[in-house]
N, C-alpha and C. Protein backbone atom coordinates (compact mmCIF):
# COMPACT_ATOMS: atom_id res chain seq x y z
N MET A 1 -7.88 -3.93 -13.96
CA MET A 1 -6.38 -4.25 -14.65
C MET A 1 -5.54 -4.48 -14.18
N SER A 2 -4.31 -5.02 -14.78
CA SER A 2 -3.79 -5.82 -13.80
C SER A 2 -2.06 -4.75 -13.41
N GLU A 3 -1.45 -5.87 -13.02
CA GLU A 3 0.18 -5.10 -12.47
C GLU A 3 0.90 -4.81 -14.40
N GLU A 4 0.67 -6.00 -15.31
CA GLU A 4 1.04 -4.96 -16.19
C GLU A 4 0.52 -3.13 -16.56
N GLY A 5 -0.95 -3.19 -16.21
CA GLY A 5 -1.66 -2.31 -16.35
C GLY A 5 -1.53 -1.24 -14.93
N GLY A 6 -0.60 -1.45 -14.85
CA GLY A 6 -0.05 -0.27 -13.62
C GLY A 6 -1.33 -0.89 -12.36
N ALA A 7 -1.93 -1.17 -12.11
CA ALA A 7 -2.20 -2.17 -10.74
C ALA A 7 -2.61 -2.91 -10.48
N LEU A 8 -2.60 -3.41 -9.13
CA LEU A 8 -2.45 -4.64 -8.16
C LEU A 8 -3.78 -5.34 -8.12
N THR A 9 -4.20 -6.43 -7.73
CA THR A 9 -5.19 -6.73 -6.61
C THR A 9 -4.86 -6.05 -5.13
N LEU A 10 -6.31 -6.19 -4.75
CA LEU A 10 -5.81 -6.49 -3.02
C LEU A 10 -5.04 -7.07 -2.22
N LYS A 11 -5.46 -9.01 -2.84
CA LYS A 11 -4.07 -9.24 -2.33
C LYS A 11 -2.90 -9.15 -2.85
N ARG A 12 -2.24 -8.79 -3.70
CA ARG A 12 -1.24 -8.54 -4.47
C ARG A 12 -0.49 -7.50 -3.94
N ALA A 13 -1.50 -6.14 -3.44
CA ALA A 13 -0.96 -5.05 -3.19
C ALA A 13 -0.29 -5.27 -0.79
N ALA A 14 -1.47 -6.51 -0.92
CA ALA A 14 -0.44 -6.07 0.90
C ALA A 14 0.50 -7.04 0.45
N GLU A 15 0.71 -7.97 0.19
CA GLU A 15 1.28 -9.01 -0.13
C GLU A 15 2.87 -8.12 -0.04
N ARG A 16 2.97 -7.25 -1.37
CA ARG A 16 3.85 -6.80 -1.75
C ARG A 16 4.09 -5.23 0.24
N LEU A 17 3.12 -5.60 0.41
CA LEU A 17 3.49 -4.18 1.56
C LEU A 17 3.93 -4.87 2.48
N GLY A 18 3.53 -6.22 2.51
CA GLY A 18 3.91 -6.97 4.23
C GLY A 18 2.19 -6.08 4.97
N VAL A 19 1.33 -6.15 4.41
CA VAL A 19 0.38 -6.10 5.74
C VAL A 19 -0.98 -6.77 4.93
N HIS A 20 -1.84 -6.83 6.22
CA HIS A 20 -3.08 -7.27 5.86
C HIS A 20 -4.36 -6.48 4.83
N GLU A 21 -4.92 -7.76 4.24
CA GLU A 21 -5.37 -6.93 3.01
C GLU A 21 -6.53 -6.00 3.62
N GLN A 22 -7.05 -6.29 5.09
CA GLN A 22 -8.01 -5.10 5.49
C GLN A 22 -7.31 -4.03 5.92
N THR A 23 -5.94 -4.27 6.40
CA THR A 23 -5.14 -2.85 6.58
C THR A 23 -5.82 -1.50 5.86
N LEU A 24 -5.18 -2.53 4.27
CA LEU A 24 -5.45 -1.92 2.65
C LEU A 24 -6.86 -0.51 2.89
N ARG A 25 -7.95 -1.53 3.37
CA ARG A 25 -9.39 -1.07 3.22
C ARG A 25 -9.13 -0.67 3.87
N SER A 26 -8.82 0.10 5.04
CA SER A 26 -8.82 0.91 6.61
C SER A 26 -7.94 2.09 6.15
N TRP A 27 -7.11 2.27 5.88
CA TRP A 27 -6.12 3.02 4.82
C TRP A 27 -6.14 3.51 3.78
N GLU A 28 -7.28 2.77 3.12
CA GLU A 28 -7.58 3.78 2.20
C GLU A 28 -9.52 4.44 2.82
N ARG A 29 -10.39 3.76 3.30
CA ARG A 29 -10.63 5.04 4.90
C ARG A 29 -10.38 5.65 4.83
N ASN A 30 -8.79 5.78 5.69
CA ASN A 30 -8.41 6.60 6.02
C ASN A 30 -7.40 8.25 5.43
N GLY A 31 -7.86 7.35 4.37
CA GLY A 31 -7.11 8.73 2.98
C GLY A 31 -5.79 8.72 3.08
N ILE A 32 -5.27 7.08 2.90
CA ILE A 32 -3.12 7.12 3.40
C ILE A 32 -3.26 6.25 1.69
N ILE A 33 -4.03 5.80 1.26
CA ILE A 33 -3.98 5.34 -0.29
C ILE A 33 -4.95 5.24 -0.70
N ARG A 34 -4.64 5.42 -2.24
CA ARG A 34 -5.98 5.59 -3.28
C ARG A 34 -5.61 4.62 -3.92
N MET A 35 -7.09 4.19 -4.31
CA MET A 35 -7.32 2.62 -5.22
C MET A 35 -8.66 3.68 -5.80
N ILE A 36 -8.10 2.35 -6.85
CA ILE A 36 -9.02 2.58 -8.06
C ILE A 36 -10.45 1.64 -8.04
N ARG A 37 -11.41 1.43 -8.39
CA ARG A 37 -12.63 0.86 -8.20
C ARG A 37 -12.84 0.26 -9.29
N LEU A 38 -13.15 -0.83 -9.86
CA LEU A 38 -13.88 -1.53 -11.20
C LEU A 38 -14.87 -0.83 -11.40
N PRO A 39 -15.43 -0.52 -12.83
CA PRO A 39 -16.67 -0.39 -13.31
C PRO A 39 -17.79 -1.51 -12.92
N GLY A 40 -18.92 -1.58 -12.56
CA GLY A 40 -19.41 -2.79 -12.19
C GLY A 40 -19.53 -3.59 -11.19
N SER A 41 -18.05 -3.46 -10.57
CA SER A 41 -17.75 -5.34 -9.76
C SER A 41 -18.07 -4.06 -8.59
N GLY A 42 -17.20 -3.12 -8.63
CA GLY A 42 -16.48 -2.07 -7.20
C GLY A 42 -15.34 -3.33 -6.56
N TYR A 43 -14.69 -3.90 -7.87
CA TYR A 43 -13.76 -4.07 -6.35
C TYR A 43 -12.55 -3.82 -6.58
N ARG A 44 -12.26 -3.38 -5.43
CA ARG A 44 -10.76 -2.31 -5.72
C ARG A 44 -9.05 -3.05 -6.59
N ARG A 45 -8.80 -2.08 -6.42
CA ARG A 45 -7.46 -2.19 -7.55
C ARG A 45 -6.45 -0.99 -6.83
N VAL A 46 -5.92 -1.36 -6.46
CA VAL A 46 -4.04 -0.62 -6.16
C VAL A 46 -3.26 0.23 -7.00
N PRO A 47 -3.08 1.19 -7.45
CA PRO A 47 -2.05 1.35 -7.97
C PRO A 47 -0.50 1.34 -7.95
N VAL A 48 -0.23 0.81 -8.13
CA VAL A 48 1.59 0.29 -8.88
C VAL A 48 2.14 1.39 -7.82
N THR A 49 2.35 2.90 -8.40
CA THR A 49 3.08 4.01 -7.72
C THR A 49 2.32 4.18 -6.34
N GLU A 50 1.18 4.16 -6.24
CA GLU A 50 0.50 3.59 -4.05
C GLU A 50 1.87 2.81 -3.66
N VAL A 51 1.54 1.94 -4.59
CA VAL A 51 2.58 0.60 -3.81
C VAL A 51 4.20 0.94 -3.23
N ASP A 52 4.28 1.24 -4.45
CA ASP A 52 5.96 1.88 -3.97
C ASP A 52 6.27 3.22 -3.41
N ARG A 53 5.21 3.99 -3.61
CA ARG A 53 5.04 5.24 -2.20
C ARG A 53 5.05 4.85 -0.67
N LEU A 54 4.07 3.80 -0.81
CA LEU A 54 3.43 3.15 0.79
C LEU A 54 5.09 3.18 0.97
N LYS A 55 5.59 1.65 0.42
CA LYS A 55 6.57 0.89 0.31
C LYS A 55 8.26 2.18 0.98
N CYS A 56 8.30 2.49 0.09
CA CYS A 56 9.14 4.36 0.81
C CYS A 56 8.52 4.41 1.91
N GLU A 57 8.07 5.11 1.94
CA GLU A 57 7.81 5.41 3.43
C GLU A 57 7.76 4.42 5.11
N MET A 58 7.03 3.65 4.52
CA MET A 58 7.06 2.35 5.53
C MET A 58 8.46 2.17 5.85
N GLU A 59 9.73 2.08 5.12
CA GLU A 59 10.96 2.12 4.93
C GLU A 59 11.66 3.35 5.70
N ARG A 60 11.33 4.08 5.37
CA ARG A 60 11.88 5.72 5.64
C ARG A 60 11.35 5.51 7.08
N GLY A 61 9.84 4.70 8.17
CA GLY A 61 10.00 4.88 9.03
C GLY A 61 10.75 3.72 10.05
N ARG A 62 10.76 2.61 9.59
CA ARG A 62 12.12 1.84 10.10
C ARG A 62 13.16 2.55 9.89
N GLU A 63 14.17 3.20 9.03
CA GLU A 63 15.29 3.57 9.62
C GLU A 63 15.38 4.97 10.64
N THR A 64 14.32 5.41 10.77
CA THR A 64 13.87 6.54 11.49
C THR A 64 13.43 5.17 13.13
N ARG A 65 13.43 5.01 13.11
CA ARG A 65 12.61 4.16 14.18
C ARG A 65 14.25 3.79 14.85
N SER A 66 15.30 2.69 14.09
CA SER A 66 16.47 2.33 13.65
C SER A 66 17.77 3.60 14.41
N LEU A 67 17.49 4.64 13.35
CA LEU A 67 18.58 5.64 14.42
C LEU A 67 18.24 6.08 15.79
N ALA A 68 16.68 6.50 15.70
CA ALA A 68 16.43 6.79 17.45
C ALA A 68 17.13 5.86 18.04
N ARG A 69 17.02 4.94 17.96
CA ARG A 69 17.26 3.74 19.47
C ARG A 69 18.48 3.41 19.53
N SER A 70 19.40 3.54 18.15
CA SER A 70 20.96 3.77 18.17
C SER A 70 21.10 4.67 18.64
N THR A 71 20.76 5.57 18.52
CA THR A 71 21.51 7.32 19.21
C THR A 71 20.54 7.71 20.90
N GLY A 72 19.37 6.20 21.05
CA GLY A 72 18.86 7.42 22.18
C GLY A 72 19.41 6.35 23.53
């Protein structure tokens, strides 16, 4: 599956989220992100919907921290 197919390589997903590829592997182990394993090779692909969801959550976290600093 490619980006057009609704999934990204681990490298591309990490770039979009601004994290290391190993972080994504860790998040998968901890149930934070869902990935797809390609049959035969076992390579991971990250659904674009998961990347978008995490991006939103990360942005909300930044906004919350920013508000806490400005009101604290």
